[in-house]
Amino acid sequence: MISNKRIVVLDTETTGINHTSIPHKNHRIIEIGAVEILNRRFTGNNFHVYIQPNRNIDDAAFKIHGISNDFLLKKPIFKDIAKKFLQYITNSELIIHNAPFDIGFIEQEFDFLNLNIKKISYYCSIVDTLKMARMLFPGKKNTLDALCSRYKINISHRNLHSAIIDAKLLGKLYLLMTGGQESMFSTNKIDSQYFHVENKIIRNCKTKLKIIYATNQEIEEHEKYIKKIKKISE
């Protein structure tokens, strides 16, 4: 069944990471990329912005995304885009790969503004596709790159990480992961009938399809068509 819920697939790039804690103190968001999906189709109503973090980018982070300090010099600060961004994600189902990482950064940015903004989960539901992938493929590598390879999604154009490109890739992955098409792209099988994602339950349905048999008239028409095709091909 086609769902009319509004889905927003989101990714961020940052000045660096703190491996020891979340939120990631002293590091900032430098890019937000988000794509909208309605009725399981990309709408083109995307949100993409680069952000001036008011601090230097770590060398290790630069090697991952290639975004330089000079490039960000004249970009808006988070305060300038905060309202528009919050409006964009409100009342959506937010799809993120390793959600605590991105949500930690986003909530930290809002905290810095002292606007009494509530937790992101107040404004939208959050689905972590990393948790989904670990349930679908236990013991496997479930990075974005690994999943794209598993689902045969072309990433040859992706030399470096990019929030907007990665959001689009994750959107494709999410549709495949939730569309019952896993067997078309991988030999892995889903062992569990249900798996939980942020208090949601997604069911691996195995209900039998109703068989509708052709009528005598339809069979007759089909046989005429086959004879016609054979005659043309002789």
C-alpha atoms as a PDB file:
ATOM      1  CA  MET A   1       0.000   0.000   0.000  1.00  0.00           C
ATOM      2  CA  ILE A   2       1.310   3.477  -0.881  1.00  0.00           C
ATOM      3  CA  SER A   3       1.769   5.716   2.158  1.00  0.00           C
ATOM      4  CA  ASN A   4       1.026   9.433   1.972  1.00  0.00           C
ATOM      5  CA  LYS A   5       3.133  10.275   5.011  1.00  0.00           C
ATOM      6  CA  ARG A   6       5.820  12.892   4.455  1.00  0.00           C
ATOM      7  CA  ILE A   7       9.318  11.427   4.626  1.00  0.00           C
ATOM      8  CA  VAL A   8      12.477  13.528   4.907  1.00  0.00           C
ATOM      9  CA  VAL A   9      15.813  11.761   4.435  1.00  0.00           C
ATOM     10  CA  LEU A  10      18.623  13.719   6.074  1.00  0.00           C
ATOM     11  CA  ASP A  11      22.407  13.777   6.376  1.00  0.00           C
ATOM     12  CA  THR A  12      24.964  16.243   7.747  1.00  0.00           C
ATOM     13  CA  GLU A  13      28.673  16.978   7.409  1.00  0.00           C
ATOM     14  CA  THR A  14      30.627  18.419  10.318  1.00  0.00           C
ATOM     15  CA  THR A  15      33.920  20.030  11.327  1.00  0.00           C
ATOM     16  CA  GLY A  16      34.899  16.789  13.031  1.00  0.00           C
ATOM     17  CA  ILE A  17      33.668  14.287  15.576  1.00  0.00           C
ATOM     18  CA  ASN A  18      34.118  13.544  19.242  1.00  0.00           C
ATOM     19  CA  HIS A  19      34.315   9.788  19.617  1.00  0.00           C
ATOM     20  CA  THR A  20      33.843   9.997  23.381  1.00  0.00           C
ATOM     21  CA  SER A  21      30.453  11.665  23.711  1.00  0.00           C
ATOM     22  CA  ILE A  22      27.231  12.872  22.147  1.00  0.00           C
ATOM     23  CA  PRO A  23      26.583  15.739  21.644  1.00  0.00           C
ATOM     24  CA  HIS A  24      29.906  16.456  20.000  1.00  0.00           C
ATOM     25  CA  LYS A  25      31.291  19.355  21.999  1.00  0.00           C
ATOM     26  CA  ASN A  26      33.418  21.882  20.123  1.00  0.00           C
ATOM     27  CA  HIS A  27      32.431  20.572  16.689  1.00  0.00           C
ATOM     28  CA  ARG A  28      29.805  22.083  14.415  1.00  0.00           C
ATOM     29  CA  ILE A  29      27.599  21.299  11.421  1.00  0.00           C
ATOM     30  CA  ILE A  30      28.891  22.625   8.084  1.00  0.00           C
ATOM     31  CA  GLU A  31      26.403  21.063   5.653  1.00  0.00           C
ATOM     32  CA  ILE A  32      22.800  19.842   5.864  1.00  0.00           C
ATOM     33  CA  GLY A  33      21.258  17.870   3.025  1.00  0.00           C
ATOM     34  CA  ALA A  34      17.664  16.627   3.078  1.00  0.00           C
ATOM     35  CA  VAL A  35      15.319  15.212   0.440  1.00  0.00           C
ATOM     36  CA  GLU A  36      11.550  14.837   0.595  1.00  0.00           C
ATOM     37  CA  ILE A  37       9.683  11.658  -0.335  1.00  0.00           C
ATOM     38  CA  LEU A  38       5.912  11.472  -0.765  1.00  0.00           C
ATOM     39  CA  ASN A  39       4.039   8.348  -1.870  1.00  0.00           C
ATOM     40  CA  ARG A  40       7.441   6.620  -2.144  1.00  0.00           C
ATOM     41  CA  ARG A  41       8.616   9.128  -4.776  1.00  0.00           C
ATOM     42  CA  PHE A  42      11.220  11.897  -4.581  1.00  0.00           C
ATOM     43  CA  THR A  43       9.448  15.248  -4.885  1.00  0.00           C
ATOM     44  CA  GLY A  44      12.452  17.488  -5.611  1.00  0.00           C
ATOM     45  CA  ASN A  45      11.516  19.635  -2.600  1.00  0.00           C
ATOM     46  CA  ASN A  46      14.987  19.385  -1.057  1.00  0.00           C
ATOM     47  CA  PHE A  47      16.740  21.334   1.691  1.00  0.00           C
ATOM     48  CA  HIS A  48      20.462  21.930   1.169  1.00  0.00           C
ATOM     49  CA  VAL A  49      22.709  24.461   2.838  1.00  0.00           C
ATOM     50  CA  TYR A  50      26.373  24.988   3.738  1.00  0.00           C
ATOM     51  CA  ILE A  51      27.016  26.609   7.121  1.00  0.00           C
ATOM     52  CA  GLN A  52      29.831  28.794   8.484  1.00  0.00           C
ATOM     53  CA  PRO A  53      30.843  27.029  11.726  1.00  0.00           C
ATOM     54  CA  ASN A  54      33.053  29.783  13.201  1.00  0.00           C
ATOM     55  CA  ARG A  55      35.835  27.281  13.771  1.00  0.00           C
ATOM     56  CA  ASN A  56      38.342  25.378  11.659  1.00  0.00           C
ATOM     57  CA  ILE A  57      37.639  21.990  10.131  1.00  0.00           C
ATOM     58  CA  ASP A  58      39.702  19.052  11.373  1.00  0.00           C
ATOM     59  CA  ASP A  59      42.082  17.569   8.818  1.00  0.00           C
ATOM     60  CA  ALA A  60      40.518  14.125   9.274  1.00  0.00           C
ATOM     61  CA  ALA A  61      37.043  15.509   8.541  1.00  0.00           C
ATOM     62  CA  PHE A  62      38.280  17.464   5.495  1.00  0.00           C
ATOM     63  CA  LYS A  63      39.631  14.233   3.998  1.00  0.00           C
ATOM     64  CA  ILE A  64      36.143  12.732   4.289  1.00  0.00           C
ATOM     65  CA  HIS A  65      34.007  15.535   2.813  1.00  0.00           C
ATOM     66  CA  GLY A  66      36.491  17.913   1.135  1.00  0.00           C
ATOM     67  CA  ILE A  67      34.746  21.032   2.457  1.00  0.00           C
ATOM     68  CA  SER A  68      37.373  23.694   3.226  1.00  0.00           C
ATOM     69  CA  ASN A  69      37.454  26.581   5.684  1.00  0.00           C
ATOM     70  CA  ASP A  70      37.805  29.056   2.798  1.00  0.00           C
ATOM     71  CA  PHE A  71      34.738  27.658   1.029  1.00  0.00           C
ATOM     72  CA  LEU A  72      32.597  28.303   4.140  1.00  0.00           C
ATOM     73  CA  LEU A  73      33.809  31.839   4.884  1.00  0.00           C
ATOM     74  CA  LYS A  74      30.785  33.625   3.407  1.00  0.00           C
ATOM     75  CA  LYS A  75      28.176  30.965   4.093  1.00  0.00           C
ATOM     76  CA  PRO A  76      25.315  31.624   6.574  1.00  0.00           C
ATOM     77  CA  ILE A  77      25.678  30.662  10.222  1.00  0.00           C
ATOM     78  CA  PHE A  78      23.248  28.134  11.712  1.00  0.00           C
ATOM     79  CA  LYS A  79      21.155  30.883  13.302  1.00  0.00           C
ATOM     80  CA  ASP A  80      20.365  32.231   9.825  1.00  0.00           C
ATOM     81  CA  ILE A  81      18.883  28.951   8.586  1.00  0.00           C
ATOM     82  CA  ALA A  82      17.540  27.480  11.851  1.00  0.00           C
ATOM     83  CA  LYS A  83      13.894  28.551  11.472  1.00  0.00           C
ATOM     84  CA  LYS A  84      13.625  27.465   7.834  1.00  0.00           C
ATOM     85  CA  PHE A  85      15.262  24.121   8.632  1.00  0.00           C
ATOM     86  CA  LEU A  86      12.972  23.408  11.580  1.00  0.00           C
ATOM     87  CA  GLN A  87       9.921  24.248   9.466  1.00  0.00           C
ATOM     88  CA  TYR A  88      11.156  21.894   6.736  1.00  0.00           C
ATOM     89  CA  ILE A  89      11.489  18.839   8.977  1.00  0.00           C
ATOM     90  CA  THR A  90       8.435  19.457  11.200  1.00  0.00           C
ATOM     91  CA  ASN A  91       5.651  16.850  10.896  1.00  0.00           C
ATOM     92  CA  SER A  92       7.822  14.498   8.851  1.00  0.00           C
ATOM     93  CA  GLU A  93       9.238  11.042   9.387  1.00  0.00           C
ATOM     94  CA  LEU A  94      12.945  11.791   9.546  1.00  0.00           C
ATOM     95  CA  ILE A  95      15.148   9.064   8.033  1.00  0.00           C
ATOM     96  CA  ILE A  96      18.812   9.149   9.120  1.00  0.00           C
ATOM     97  CA  HIS A  97      21.651   6.636   8.975  1.00  0.00           C
ATOM     98  CA  ASN A  98      23.125   6.445  12.488  1.00  0.00           C
ATOM     99  CA  ALA A  99      20.574   8.949  13.755  1.00  0.00           C
ATOM    100  CA  PRO A 100      22.143   9.704  17.185  1.00  0.00           C
ATOM    101  CA  PHE A 101      25.175  11.220  15.432  1.00  0.00           C
ATOM    102  CA  ASP A 102      23.252  13.718  13.270  1.00  0.00           C
ATOM    103  CA  ILE A 103      20.521  14.395  15.829  1.00  0.00           C
ATOM    104  CA  GLY A 104      23.189  15.061  18.485  1.00  0.00           C
ATOM    105  CA  PHE A 105      24.774  17.708  16.280  1.00  0.00           C
ATOM    106  CA  ILE A 106      21.449  19.289  15.260  1.00  0.00           C
ATOM    107  CA  GLU A 107      20.154  19.529  18.826  1.00  0.00           C
ATOM    108  CA  GLN A 108      23.481  20.987  19.938  1.00  0.00           C
ATOM    109  CA  GLU A 109      23.233  23.707  17.274  1.00  0.00           C
ATOM    110  CA  PHE A 110      19.734  24.630  18.483  1.00  0.00           C
ATOM    111  CA  ASP A 111      20.947  24.600  22.102  1.00  0.00           C
ATOM    112  CA  PHE A 112      23.640  27.151  21.219  1.00  0.00           C
ATOM    113  CA  LEU A 113      20.871  29.558  20.084  1.00  0.00           C
ATOM    114  CA  ASN A 114      19.104  29.487  23.488  1.00  0.00           C
ATOM    115  CA  LEU A 115      15.676  29.552  21.847  1.00  0.00           C
ATOM    116  CA  ASN A 116      14.145  26.844  24.053  1.00  0.00           C
ATOM    117  CA  ILE A 117      13.763  24.552  21.047  1.00  0.00           C
ATOM    118  CA  LYS A 118      12.528  21.117  22.106  1.00  0.00           C
ATOM    119  CA  LYS A 119      14.159  17.822  21.164  1.00  0.00           C
ATOM    120  CA  ILE A 120      13.909  16.992  17.450  1.00  0.00           C
ATOM    121  CA  SER A 121      11.700  13.998  18.252  1.00  0.00           C
ATOM    122  CA  TYR A 122       9.025  16.486  19.424  1.00  0.00           C
ATOM    123  CA  TYR A 123       8.709  17.902  15.904  1.00  0.00           C
ATOM    124  CA  CYS A 124       9.009  14.689  13.875  1.00  0.00           C
ATOM    125  CA  SER A 125       9.444  10.952  14.263  1.00  0.00           C
ATOM    126  CA  ILE A 126      12.944   9.564  13.716  1.00  0.00           C
ATOM    127  CA  VAL A 127      13.893   6.334  11.948  1.00  0.00           C
ATOM    128  CA  ASP A 128      17.478   5.098  12.160  1.00  0.00           C
ATOM    129  CA  THR A 129      18.334   3.102   9.031  1.00  0.00           C
ATOM    130  CA  LEU A 130      21.517   1.799  10.672  1.00  0.00           C
ATOM    131  CA  LYS A 131      19.343  -0.008  13.222  1.00  0.00           C
ATOM    132  CA  MET A 132      17.148  -1.287  10.401  1.00  0.00           C
ATOM    133  CA  ALA A 133      20.181  -2.534   8.471  1.00  0.00           C
ATOM    134  CA  ARG A 134      21.601  -4.335  11.502  1.00  0.00           C
ATOM    135  CA  MET A 135      18.306  -6.182  11.902  1.00  0.00           C
ATOM    136  CA  LEU A 136      18.131  -7.022   8.200  1.00  0.00           C
ATOM    137  CA  PHE A 137      21.810  -7.999   7.889  1.00  0.00           C
ATOM    138  CA  PRO A 138      23.099  -9.094  11.299  1.00  0.00           C
ATOM    139  CA  GLY A 139      26.875  -9.448  11.436  1.00  0.00           C
ATOM    140  CA  LYS A 140      27.330  -7.642   8.114  1.00  0.00           C
ATOM    141  CA  LYS A 141      28.982  -4.294   7.445  1.00  0.00           C
ATOM    142  CA  ASN A 142      26.161  -1.760   7.281  1.00  0.00           C
ATOM    143  CA  THR A 143      27.779   1.531   6.328  1.00  0.00           C
ATOM    144  CA  LEU A 144      26.107   3.603   3.615  1.00  0.00           C
ATOM    145  CA  ASP A 145      28.740   2.441   1.109  1.00  0.00           C
ATOM    146  CA  ALA A 146      28.300  -1.213   2.067  1.00  0.00           C
ATOM    147  CA  LEU A 147      24.511  -1.014   1.771  1.00  0.00           C
ATOM    148  CA  CYS A 148      24.698   0.720  -1.602  1.00  0.00           C
ATOM    149  CA  SER A 149      26.937  -2.089  -2.813  1.00  0.00           C
ATOM    150  CA  ARG A 150      24.564  -4.712  -1.397  1.00  0.00           C
ATOM    151  CA  TYR A 151      21.540  -3.149  -3.101  1.00  0.00           C
ATOM    152  CA  LYS A 152      23.411  -2.502  -6.364  1.00  0.00           C
ATOM    153  CA  ILE A 153      23.098   1.309  -6.127  1.00  0.00           C
ATOM    154  CA  ASN A 154      25.671   3.115  -8.270  1.00  0.00           C
ATOM    155  CA  ILE A 155      27.939   5.420  -6.229  1.00  0.00           C
ATOM    156  CA  SER A 156      30.687   5.909  -8.817  1.00  0.00           C
ATOM    157  CA  HIS A 157      29.917   9.665  -8.854  1.00  0.00           C
ATOM    158  CA  ARG A 158      30.560   9.942  -5.106  1.00  0.00           C
ATOM    159  CA  ASN A 159      34.264  10.604  -4.559  1.00  0.00           C
ATOM    160  CA  LEU A 160      33.765  12.321  -1.201  1.00  0.00           C
ATOM    161  CA  HIS A 161      31.009  12.441   1.378  1.00  0.00           C
ATOM    162  CA  SER A 162      28.322  15.033   0.670  1.00  0.00           C
ATOM    163  CA  ALA A 163      25.243  15.583   2.835  1.00  0.00           C
ATOM    164  CA  ILE A 164      22.892  16.127  -0.102  1.00  0.00           C
ATOM    165  CA  ILE A 165      24.282  13.265  -2.212  1.00  0.00           C
ATOM    166  CA  ASP A 166      24.275  10.909   0.761  1.00  0.00           C
ATOM    167  CA  ALA A 167      20.696  11.901   1.633  1.00  0.00           C
ATOM    168  CA  LYS A 168      19.600  10.999  -1.910  1.00  0.00           C
ATOM    169  CA  LEU A 169      21.438   7.664  -1.725  1.00  0.00           C
ATOM    170  CA  LEU A 170      19.930   6.921   1.669  1.00  0.00           C
ATOM    171  CA  GLY A 171      16.491   7.739   0.277  1.00  0.00           C
ATOM    172  CA  LYS A 172      16.939   5.090  -2.424  1.00  0.00           C
ATOM    173  CA  LEU A 173      18.173   2.616   0.173  1.00  0.00           C
ATOM    174  CA  TYR A 174      15.256   3.294   2.493  1.00  0.00           C
ATOM    175  CA  LEU A 175      12.736   2.675  -0.269  1.00  0.00           C
ATOM    176  CA  LEU A 176      14.425  -0.625  -1.108  1.00  0.00           C
ATOM    177  CA  MET A 177      14.756  -1.654   2.538  1.00  0.00           C
ATOM    178  CA  THR A 178      11.062  -1.017   3.199  1.00  0.00           C
ATOM    179  CA  GLY A 179       9.636  -2.061  -0.145  1.00  0.00           C
ATOM    180  CA  GLY A 180       9.901  -5.836   0.093  1.00  0.00           C
ATOM    181  CA  GLN A 181      12.468  -5.879  -2.731  1.00  0.00           C
ATOM    182  CA  GLU A 182      15.447  -7.084  -0.724  1.00  0.00           C
ATOM    183  CA  SER A 183      15.539 -10.477  -2.429  1.00  0.00           C
ATOM    184  CA  MET A 184      16.002  -8.827  -5.840  1.00  0.00           C
ATOM    185  CA  PHE A 185      19.308  -7.316  -4.799  1.00  0.00           C
ATOM    186  CA  SER A 186      20.861  -9.630  -2.247  1.00  0.00           C
ATOM    187  CA  THR A 187      21.065 -13.278  -1.282  1.00  0.00           C
ATOM    188  CA  ASN A 188      20.659 -12.329   2.395  1.00  0.00           C
ATOM    189  CA  LYS A 189      17.344 -13.308   3.972  1.00  0.00           C
ATOM    190  CA  ILE A 190      15.416 -11.511   6.693  1.00  0.00           C
ATOM    191  CA  ASP A 191      15.322 -13.890   9.646  1.00  0.00           C
ATOM    192  CA  SER A 192      12.919 -11.950  11.837  1.00  0.00           C
ATOM    193  CA  GLN A 193       9.266 -11.326  11.031  1.00  0.00           C
ATOM    194  CA  TYR A 194       9.390  -7.988  12.808  1.00  0.00           C
ATOM    195  CA  PHE A 195      12.088  -5.448  13.603  1.00  0.00           C
ATOM    196  CA  HIS A 196      11.839  -2.313  15.727  1.00  0.00           C
ATOM    197  CA  VAL A 197      12.963   1.153  14.637  1.00  0.00           C
ATOM    198  CA  GLU A 198      12.501   4.022  17.119  1.00  0.00           C
ATOM    199  CA  ASN A 199       9.378   2.456  18.676  1.00  0.00           C
ATOM    200  CA  LYS A 200       7.951   1.584  15.259  1.00  0.00           C
ATOM    201  CA  ILE A 201       7.278  -1.967  14.091  1.00  0.00           C
ATOM    202  CA  ILE A 202       7.892  -2.879  10.481  1.00  0.00           C
ATOM    203  CA  ARG A 203       6.467  -6.219   9.409  1.00  0.00           C
ATOM    204  CA  ASN A 204       8.000  -8.543   6.885  1.00  0.00           C
ATOM    205  CA  CYS A 205       4.689  -9.612   5.344  1.00  0.00           C
ATOM    206  CA  LYS A 206       4.411 -13.064   3.815  1.00  0.00           C
ATOM    207  CA  THR A 207       0.694 -13.060   3.007  1.00  0.00           C
ATOM    208  CA  LYS A 208      -0.314 -15.029  -0.077  1.00  0.00           C
ATOM    209  CA  LEU A 209      -1.355 -13.082  -3.151  1.00  0.00           C
ATOM    210  CA  LYS A 210      -4.866 -13.684  -4.488  1.00  0.00           C
ATOM    211  CA  ILE A 211      -4.796 -15.646  -7.764  1.00  0.00           C
ATOM    212  CA  ILE A 212      -7.130 -14.310 -10.471  1.00  0.00           C
ATOM    213  CA  TYR A 213      -7.634 -16.752 -13.350  1.00  0.00           C
ATOM    214  CA  ALA A 214      -8.200 -15.654 -16.947  1.00  0.00           C
ATOM    215  CA  THR A 215     -11.690 -15.945 -18.402  1.00  0.00           C
ATOM    216  CA  ASN A 216     -12.417 -18.099 -21.489  1.00  0.00           C
ATOM    217  CA  GLN A 217     -12.699 -14.941 -23.588  1.00  0.00           C
ATOM    218  CA  GLU A 218      -9.325 -13.665 -22.337  1.00  0.00           C
ATOM    219  CA  ILE A 219      -7.701 -17.035 -23.120  1.00  0.00           C
ATOM    220  CA  GLU A 220      -9.195 -16.943 -26.625  1.00  0.00           C
ATOM    221  CA  GLU A 221      -7.906 -13.407 -27.241  1.00  0.00           C
ATOM    222  CA  HIS A 222      -4.483 -14.396 -25.927  1.00  0.00           C
ATOM    223  CA  GLU A 223      -4.262 -17.389 -28.291  1.00  0.00           C
ATOM    224  CA  LYS A 224      -5.206 -15.170 -31.252  1.00  0.00           C
ATOM    225  CA  TYR A 225      -2.469 -12.732 -30.260  1.00  0.00           C
ATOM    226  CA  ILE A 226       0.148 -15.506 -30.007  1.00  0.00           C
ATOM    227  CA  LYS A 227      -0.818 -16.820 -33.481  1.00  0.00           C
ATOM    228  CA  LYS A 228      -0.510 -13.295 -34.874  1.00  0.00           C
ATOM    229  CA  ILE A 229       2.967 -12.869 -33.379  1.00  0.00           C
ATOM    230  CA  LYS A 230       4.112 -16.241 -34.769  1.00  0.00           C
ATOM    231  CA  LYS A 231       2.848 -15.326 -38.234  1.00  0.00           C
ATOM    232  CA  ILE A 232       4.738 -11.994 -38.195  1.00  0.00           C
ATOM    233  CA  SER A 233       7.947 -13.659 -37.064  1.00  0.00           C
ATOM    234  CA  GLU A 234       7.885 -16.371 -39.794  1.00  0.00           C
END
